[in-house]
Amino acid sequence: MTPDERVAYLKEYDDSDKTGEPKKGGLIEKLIARGNKRTEEQLAREHAERTAGQTNLSGAAATAGQNPVIR
């Protein structure tokens, strides 16, 4: 980091500190974005599993009572 970049970075940091808002593109924002992405992927995966499970259950309900053999 050059001295000019450092001065600009510290100025941005001070400005964000004064307003109480996180620095744009800062570590906190990156961590939150990463967590949100992982949460969205997890929710999509769980929804797909639930949907697949319901499909399997409705297929089992349709054949219930047709085969009296217990396995």
PDB file of N, CA and C in Angstrom:
ATOM      1  N   MET A   1       0.860  -1.163   0.000  1.00  0.00           N
ATOM      2  CA  MET A   1       0.000   0.000   0.000  1.00  0.00           C
ATOM      3  C   MET A   1       0.912   1.234   0.000  1.00  0.00           C
ATOM      4  N   THR A   2       0.665   2.081  -0.951  1.00  0.00           N
ATOM      5  CA  THR A   2       1.463   3.301  -1.041  1.00  0.00           C
ATOM      6  C   THR A   2       1.015   4.273   0.048  1.00  0.00           C
ATOM      7  N   PRO A   3       1.840   5.254   0.356  1.00  0.00           N
ATOM      8  CA  PRO A   3       1.439   6.240   1.370  1.00  0.00           C
ATOM      9  C   PRO A   3       0.143   6.976   1.007  1.00  0.00           C
ATOM     10  N   ASP A   4      -0.051   7.267  -0.282  1.00  0.00           N
ATOM     11  CA  ASP A   4      -1.293   7.939  -0.706  1.00  0.00           C
ATOM     12  C   ASP A   4      -2.509   7.038  -0.506  1.00  0.00           C
ATOM     13  N   GLU A   5      -2.351   5.747  -0.838  1.00  0.00           N
ATOM     14  CA  GLU A   5      -3.448   4.797  -0.638  1.00  0.00           C
ATOM     15  C   GLU A   5      -3.776   4.666   0.846  1.00  0.00           C
ATOM     16  N   ARG A   6      -2.716   4.664   1.647  1.00  0.00           N
ATOM     17  CA  ARG A   6      -2.917   4.552   3.098  1.00  0.00           C
ATOM     18  C   ARG A   6      -3.683   5.750   3.638  1.00  0.00           C
ATOM     19  N   VAL A   7      -3.324   6.943   3.200  1.00  0.00           N
ATOM     20  CA  VAL A   7      -4.012   8.161   3.639  1.00  0.00           C
ATOM     21  C   VAL A   7      -5.482   8.111   3.215  1.00  0.00           C
ATOM     22  N   ALA A   8      -5.738   7.695   1.969  1.00  0.00           N
ATOM     23  CA  ALA A   8      -7.119   7.602   1.474  1.00  0.00           C
ATOM     24  C   ALA A   8      -7.905   6.560   2.272  1.00  0.00           C
ATOM     25  N   TYR A   9      -7.265   5.439   2.559  1.00  0.00           N
ATOM     26  CA  TYR A   9      -7.922   4.379   3.322  1.00  0.00           C
ATOM     27  C   TYR A   9      -8.272   4.867   4.731  1.00  0.00           C
ATOM     28  N   LEU A  10      -7.313   5.514   5.378  1.00  0.00           N
ATOM     29  CA  LEU A  10      -7.556   6.009   6.736  1.00  0.00           C
ATOM     30  C   LEU A  10      -8.628   7.099   6.750  1.00  0.00           C
ATOM     31  N   LYS A  11      -8.675   7.918   5.705  1.00  0.00           N
ATOM     32  CA  LYS A  11      -9.716   8.943   5.616  1.00  0.00           C
ATOM     33  C   LYS A  11     -11.091   8.290   5.487  1.00  0.00           C
ATOM     34  N   GLU A  12     -11.184   7.272   4.633  1.00  0.00           N
ATOM     35  CA  GLU A  12     -12.447   6.530   4.492  1.00  0.00           C
ATOM     36  C   GLU A  12     -12.854   5.909   5.821  1.00  0.00           C
ATOM     37  N   TYR A  13     -11.884   5.331   6.506  1.00  0.00           N
ATOM     38  CA  TYR A  13     -12.147   4.689   7.790  1.00  0.00           C
ATOM     39  C   TYR A  13     -12.653   5.710   8.812  1.00  0.00           C
ATOM     40  N   ASP A  14     -11.997   6.872   8.862  1.00  0.00           N
ATOM     41  CA  ASP A  14     -12.429   7.929   9.787  1.00  0.00           C
ATOM     42  C   ASP A  14     -13.830   8.423   9.446  1.00  0.00           C
ATOM     43  N   ASP A  15     -14.099   8.605   8.143  1.00  0.00           N
ATOM     44  CA  ASP A  15     -15.429   9.072   7.725  1.00  0.00           C
ATOM     45  C   ASP A  15     -16.506   8.068   8.113  1.00  0.00           C
ATOM     46  N   SER A  16     -16.229   6.793   7.925  1.00  0.00           N
ATOM     47  CA  SER A  16     -17.224   5.777   8.282  1.00  0.00           C
ATOM     48  C   SER A  16     -17.391   5.707   9.789  1.00  0.00           C
ATOM     49  N   ASP A  17     -16.326   5.971  10.514  1.00  0.00           N
ATOM     50  CA  ASP A  17     -16.394   5.972  11.975  1.00  0.00           C
ATOM     51  C   ASP A  17     -17.247   7.130  12.485  1.00  0.00           C
ATOM     52  N   LYS A  18     -17.168   8.263  11.819  1.00  0.00           N
ATOM     53  CA  LYS A  18     -17.946   9.444  12.227  1.00  0.00           C
ATOM     54  C   LYS A  18     -19.435   9.259  11.964  1.00  0.00           C
ATOM     55  N   THR A  19     -19.775   8.617  10.856  1.00  0.00           N
ATOM     56  CA  THR A  19     -21.188   8.437  10.505  1.00  0.00           C
ATOM     57  C   THR A  19     -21.798   7.227  11.191  1.00  0.00           C
ATOM     58  N   GLY A  20     -20.965   6.326  11.708  1.00  0.00           N
ATOM     59  CA  GLY A  20     -21.477   5.137  12.374  1.00  0.00           C
ATOM     60  C   GLY A  20     -21.848   4.032  11.401  1.00  0.00           C
ATOM     61  N   GLU A  21     -21.583   4.223  10.113  1.00  0.00           N
ATOM     62  CA  GLU A  21     -21.874   3.213   9.101  1.00  0.00           C
ATOM     63  C   GLU A  21     -20.589   2.469   8.747  1.00  0.00           C
ATOM     64  N   PRO A  22     -20.697   1.185   8.428  1.00  0.00           N
ATOM     65  CA  PRO A  22     -19.482   0.453   8.061  1.00  0.00           C
ATOM     66  C   PRO A  22     -18.901   0.979   6.753  1.00  0.00           C
ATOM     67  N   LYS A  23     -17.590   0.862   6.631  1.00  0.00           N
ATOM     68  CA  LYS A  23     -16.894   1.298   5.425  1.00  0.00           C
ATOM     69  C   LYS A  23     -17.362   0.450   4.250  1.00  0.00           C
ATOM     70  N   LYS A  24     -17.645   1.109   3.129  1.00  0.00           N
ATOM     71  CA  LYS A  24     -18.084   0.382   1.935  1.00  0.00           C
ATOM     72  C   LYS A  24     -16.979  -0.561   1.468  1.00  0.00           C
ATOM     73  N   GLY A  25     -17.326  -1.816   1.268  1.00  0.00           N
ATOM     74  CA  GLY A  25     -16.344  -2.803   0.839  1.00  0.00           C
ATOM     75  C   GLY A  25     -15.414  -3.234   1.950  1.00  0.00           C
ATOM     76  N   GLY A  26     -15.773  -2.914   3.187  1.00  0.00           N
ATOM     77  CA  GLY A  26     -14.932  -3.273   4.323  1.00  0.00           C
ATOM     78  C   GLY A  26     -15.108  -4.725   4.711  1.00  0.00           C
ATOM     79  N   LEU A  27     -14.330  -5.116   5.683  1.00  0.00           N
ATOM     80  CA  LEU A  27     -14.338  -6.511   6.132  1.00  0.00           C
ATOM     81  C   LEU A  27     -15.710  -6.936   6.642  1.00  0.00           C
ATOM     82  N   ILE A  28     -16.351  -6.072   7.413  1.00  0.00           N
ATOM     83  CA  ILE A  28     -17.669  -6.424   7.965  1.00  0.00           C
ATOM     84  C   ILE A  28     -18.668  -6.681   6.840  1.00  0.00           C
ATOM     85  N   GLU A  29     -18.690  -5.794   5.842  1.00  0.00           N
ATOM     86  CA  GLU A  29     -19.620  -5.986   4.720  1.00  0.00           C
ATOM     87  C   GLU A  29     -19.319  -7.280   3.971  1.00  0.00           C
ATOM     88  N   LYS A  30     -18.047  -7.591   3.782  1.00  0.00           N
ATOM     89  CA  LYS A  30     -17.678  -8.825   3.085  1.00  0.00           C
ATOM     90  C   LYS A  30     -18.116 -10.054   3.874  1.00  0.00           C
ATOM     91  N   LEU A  31     -17.939 -10.011   5.194  1.00  0.00           N
ATOM     92  CA  LEU A  31     -18.356 -11.136   6.027  1.00  0.00           C
ATOM     93  C   LEU A  31     -19.866 -11.313   6.010  1.00  0.00           C
ATOM     94  N   ILE A  32     -20.594 -10.209   6.069  1.00  0.00           N
ATOM     95  CA  ILE A  32     -22.058 -10.282   6.034  1.00  0.00           C
ATOM     96  C   ILE A  32     -22.526 -10.838   4.694  1.00  0.00           C
ATOM     97  N   ALA A  33     -21.941 -10.353   3.595  1.00  0.00           N
ATOM     98  CA  ALA A  33     -22.325 -10.843   2.261  1.00  0.00           C
ATOM     99  C   ALA A  33     -22.043 -12.341   2.143  1.00  0.00           C
ATOM    100  N   ARG A  34     -20.902 -12.773   2.664  1.00  0.00           N
ATOM    101  CA  ARG A  34     -20.558 -14.192   2.606  1.00  0.00           C
ATOM    102  C   ARG A  34     -21.551 -15.025   3.418  1.00  0.00           C
ATOM    103  N   GLY A  35     -21.895 -14.528   4.615  1.00  0.00           N
ATOM    104  CA  GLY A  35     -22.863 -15.239   5.448  1.00  0.00           C
ATOM    105  C   GLY A  35     -24.234 -15.291   4.797  1.00  0.00           C
ATOM    106  N   ASN A  36     -24.647 -14.193   4.177  1.00  0.00           N
ATOM    107  CA  ASN A  36     -25.940 -14.166   3.498  1.00  0.00           C
ATOM    108  C   ASN A  36     -25.966 -15.161   2.345  1.00  0.00           C
ATOM    109  N   LYS A  37     -24.868 -15.216   1.596  1.00  0.00           N
ATOM    110  CA  LYS A  37     -24.808 -16.143   0.462  1.00  0.00           C
ATOM    111  C   LYS A  37     -24.906 -17.592   0.957  1.00  0.00           C
ATOM    112  N   ARG A  38     -24.160 -17.901   2.022  1.00  0.00           N
ATOM    113  CA  ARG A  38     -24.199 -19.265   2.559  1.00  0.00           C
ATOM    114  C   ARG A  38     -25.588 -19.602   3.087  1.00  0.00           C
ATOM    115  N   THR A  39     -26.254 -18.632   3.718  1.00  0.00           N
ATOM    116  CA  THR A  39     -27.597 -18.857   4.244  1.00  0.00           C
ATOM    117  C   THR A  39     -28.575 -19.109   3.100  1.00  0.00           C
ATOM    118  N   GLU A  40     -28.482 -18.302   2.026  1.00  0.00           N
ATOM    119  CA  GLU A  40     -29.369 -18.500   0.883  1.00  0.00           C
ATOM    120  C   GLU A  40     -29.160 -19.875   0.252  1.00  0.00           C
ATOM    121  N   GLU A  41     -27.899 -20.288   0.120  1.00  0.00           N
ATOM    122  CA  GLU A  41     -27.613 -21.606  -0.447  1.00  0.00           C
ATOM    123  C   GLU A  41     -28.156 -22.709   0.451  1.00  0.00           C
ATOM    124  N   GLN A  42     -28.024 -22.540   1.763  1.00  0.00           N
ATOM    125  CA  GLN A  42     -28.517 -23.544   2.700  1.00  0.00           C
ATOM    126  C   GLN A  42     -30.039 -23.633   2.637  1.00  0.00           C
ATOM    127  N   LEU A  43     -30.703 -22.486   2.583  1.00  0.00           N
ATOM    128  CA  LEU A  43     -32.158 -22.491   2.493  1.00  0.00           C
ATOM    129  C   LEU A  43     -32.627 -23.154   1.203  1.00  0.00           C
ATOM    130  N   ALA A  44     -31.956 -22.877   0.111  1.00  0.00           N
ATOM    131  CA  ALA A  44     -32.323 -23.504  -1.164  1.00  0.00           C
ATOM    132  C   ALA A  44     -32.122 -25.012  -1.101  1.00  0.00           C
ATOM    133  N   ARG A  45     -31.008 -25.442  -0.488  1.00  0.00           N
ATOM    134  CA  ARG A  45     -30.730 -26.874  -0.365  1.00  0.00           C
ATOM    135  C   ARG A  45     -31.778 -27.562   0.510  1.00  0.00           C
ATOM    136  N   GLU A  46     -32.137 -26.922   1.643  1.00  0.00           N
ATOM    137  CA  GLU A  46     -33.144 -27.504   2.525  1.00  0.00           C
ATOM    138  C   GLU A  46     -34.503 -27.563   1.848  1.00  0.00           C
ATOM    139  N   HIS A  47     -34.834 -26.549   1.071  1.00  0.00           N
ATOM    140  CA  HIS A  47     -36.111 -26.545   0.359  1.00  0.00           C
ATOM    141  C   HIS A  47     -36.143 -27.689  -0.661  1.00  0.00           C
ATOM    142  N   ALA A  48     -35.023 -27.870  -1.371  1.00  0.00           N
ATOM    143  CA  ALA A  48     -34.954 -28.959  -2.357  1.00  0.00           C
ATOM    144  C   ALA A  48     -35.096 -30.312  -1.671  1.00  0.00           C
ATOM    145  N   GLU A  49     -34.465 -30.474  -0.511  1.00  0.00           N
ATOM    146  CA  GLU A  49     -34.571 -31.737   0.228  1.00  0.00           C
ATOM    147  C   GLU A  49     -35.999 -31.969   0.712  1.00  0.00           C
ATOM    148  N   ARG A  50     -36.635 -30.895   1.205  1.00  0.00           N
ATOM    149  CA  ARG A  50     -38.023 -31.008   1.671  1.00  0.00           C
ATOM    150  C   ARG A  50     -38.950 -31.370   0.520  1.00  0.00           C
ATOM    151  N   THR A  51     -38.746 -30.733  -0.617  1.00  0.00           N
ATOM    152  CA  THR A  51     -39.578 -31.005  -1.782  1.00  0.00           C
ATOM    153  C   THR A  51     -39.384 -32.443  -2.247  1.00  0.00           C
ATOM    154  N   ALA A  52     -38.138 -32.894  -2.261  1.00  0.00           N
ATOM    155  CA  ALA A  52     -37.857 -34.274  -2.664  1.00  0.00           C
ATOM    156  C   ALA A  52     -38.468 -35.248  -1.660  1.00  0.00           C
ATOM    157  N   GLY A  53     -38.420 -34.913  -0.385  1.00  0.00           N
ATOM    158  CA  GLY A  53     -38.995 -35.776   0.648  1.00  0.00           C
ATOM    159  C   GLY A  53     -40.501 -35.868   0.533  1.00  0.00           C
ATOM    160  N   GLN A  54     -41.150 -34.774   0.197  1.00  0.00           N
ATOM    161  CA  GLN A  54     -42.603 -34.782   0.038  1.00  0.00           C
ATOM    162  C   GLN A  54     -43.000 -35.608  -1.167  1.00  0.00           C
ATOM    163  N   THR A  55     -42.212 -35.545  -2.218  1.00  0.00           N
ATOM    164  CA  THR A  55     -42.494 -36.346  -3.404  1.00  0.00           C
ATOM    165  C   THR A  55     -42.402 -37.825  -3.066  1.00  0.00           C
ATOM    166  N   ASN A  56     -41.377 -38.198  -2.314  1.00  0.00           N
ATOM    167  CA  ASN A  56     -41.213 -39.597  -1.930  1.00  0.00           C
ATOM    168  C   ASN A  56     -42.339 -40.049  -1.005  1.00  0.00           C
ATOM    169  N   LEU A  57     -42.769 -39.176  -0.095  1.00  0.00           N
ATOM    170  CA  LEU A  57     -43.841 -39.537   0.824  1.00  0.00           C
ATOM    171  C   LEU A  57     -45.172 -39.692   0.101  1.00  0.00           C
ATOM    172  N   SER A  58     -45.460 -38.844  -0.849  1.00  0.00           N
ATOM    173  CA  SER A  58     -46.725 -38.961  -1.560  1.00  0.00           C
ATOM    174  C   SER A  58     -46.734 -40.220  -2.418  1.00  0.00           C
ATOM    175  N   GLY A  59     -45.587 -40.635  -2.924  1.00  0.00           N
ATOM    176  CA  GLY A  59     -45.501 -41.894  -3.666  1.00  0.00           C
ATOM    177  C   GLY A  59     -45.725 -43.076  -2.744  1.00  0.00           C
ATOM    178  N   ALA A  60     -45.215 -43.002  -1.521  1.00  0.00           N
ATOM    179  CA  ALA A  60     -45.401 -44.072  -0.550  1.00  0.00           C
ATOM    180  C   ALA A  60     -46.860 -44.141  -0.113  1.00  0.00           C
ATOM    181  N   ALA A  61     -47.501 -43.003   0.045  1.00  0.00           N
ATOM    182  CA  ALA A  61     -48.904 -42.983   0.459  1.00  0.00           C
ATOM    183  C   ALA A  61     -49.799 -43.576  -0.617  1.00  0.00           C
ATOM    184  N   ALA A  62     -49.435 -43.385  -1.862  1.00  0.00           N
ATOM    185  CA  ALA A  62     -50.253 -43.903  -2.961  1.00  0.00           C
ATOM    186  C   ALA A  62     -50.210 -45.421  -3.016  1.00  0.00           C
ATOM    187  N   THR A  63     -49.100 -46.019  -2.566  1.00  0.00           N
ATOM    188  CA  THR A  63     -48.984 -47.476  -2.627  1.00  0.00           C
ATOM    189  C   THR A  63     -49.257 -48.138  -1.288  1.00  0.00           C
ATOM    190  N   ALA A  64     -49.590 -47.371  -0.272  1.00  0.00           N
ATOM    191  CA  ALA A  64     -49.841 -47.926   1.064  1.00  0.00           C
ATOM    192  C   ALA A  64     -51.009 -48.893   1.020  1.00  0.00           C
ATOM    193  N   GLY A  65     -50.851 -50.018   1.675  1.00  0.00           N
ATOM    194  CA  GLY A  65     -51.922 -50.998   1.753  1.00  0.00           C
ATOM    195  C   GLY A  65     -51.990 -51.937   0.578  1.00  0.00           C
ATOM    196  N   GLN A  66     -51.229 -51.720  -0.446  1.00  0.00           N
ATOM    197  CA  GLN A  66     -51.267 -52.593  -1.621  1.00  0.00           C
ATOM    198  C   GLN A  66     -50.365 -53.799  -1.462  1.00  0.00           C
ATOM    199  N   ASN A  67     -49.337 -53.670  -0.623  1.00  0.00           N
ATOM    200  CA  ASN A  67     -48.390 -54.763  -0.439  1.00  0.00           C
ATOM    201  C   ASN A  67     -48.305 -55.066   1.057  1.00  0.00           C
ATOM    202  N   PRO A  68     -48.976 -56.115   1.514  1.00  0.00           N
ATOM    203  CA  PRO A  68     -49.006 -56.407   2.937  1.00  0.00           C
ATOM    204  C   PRO A  68     -47.713 -57.000   3.495  1.00  0.00           C
ATOM    205  N   VAL A  69     -46.695 -57.241   2.659  1.00  0.00           N
ATOM    206  CA  VAL A  69     -45.438 -57.829   3.107  1.00  0.00           C
ATOM    207  C   VAL A  69     -44.637 -56.776   3.830  1.00  0.00           C
ATOM    208  N   ILE A  70     -44.204 -57.097   5.065  1.00  0.00           N
ATOM    209  CA  ILE A  70     -43.384 -56.179   5.847  1.00  0.00           C
ATOM    210  C   ILE A  70     -41.930 -56.582   5.627  1.00  0.00           C
ATOM    211  N   ARG A  71     -41.127 -55.635   5.274  1.00  0.00           N
ATOM    212  CA  ARG A  71     -39.717 -55.927   4.987  1.00  0.00           C
ATOM    213  C   ARG A  71     -38.829 -55.277   5.972  1.00  0.00           C
TER     214      ARG A  71
END
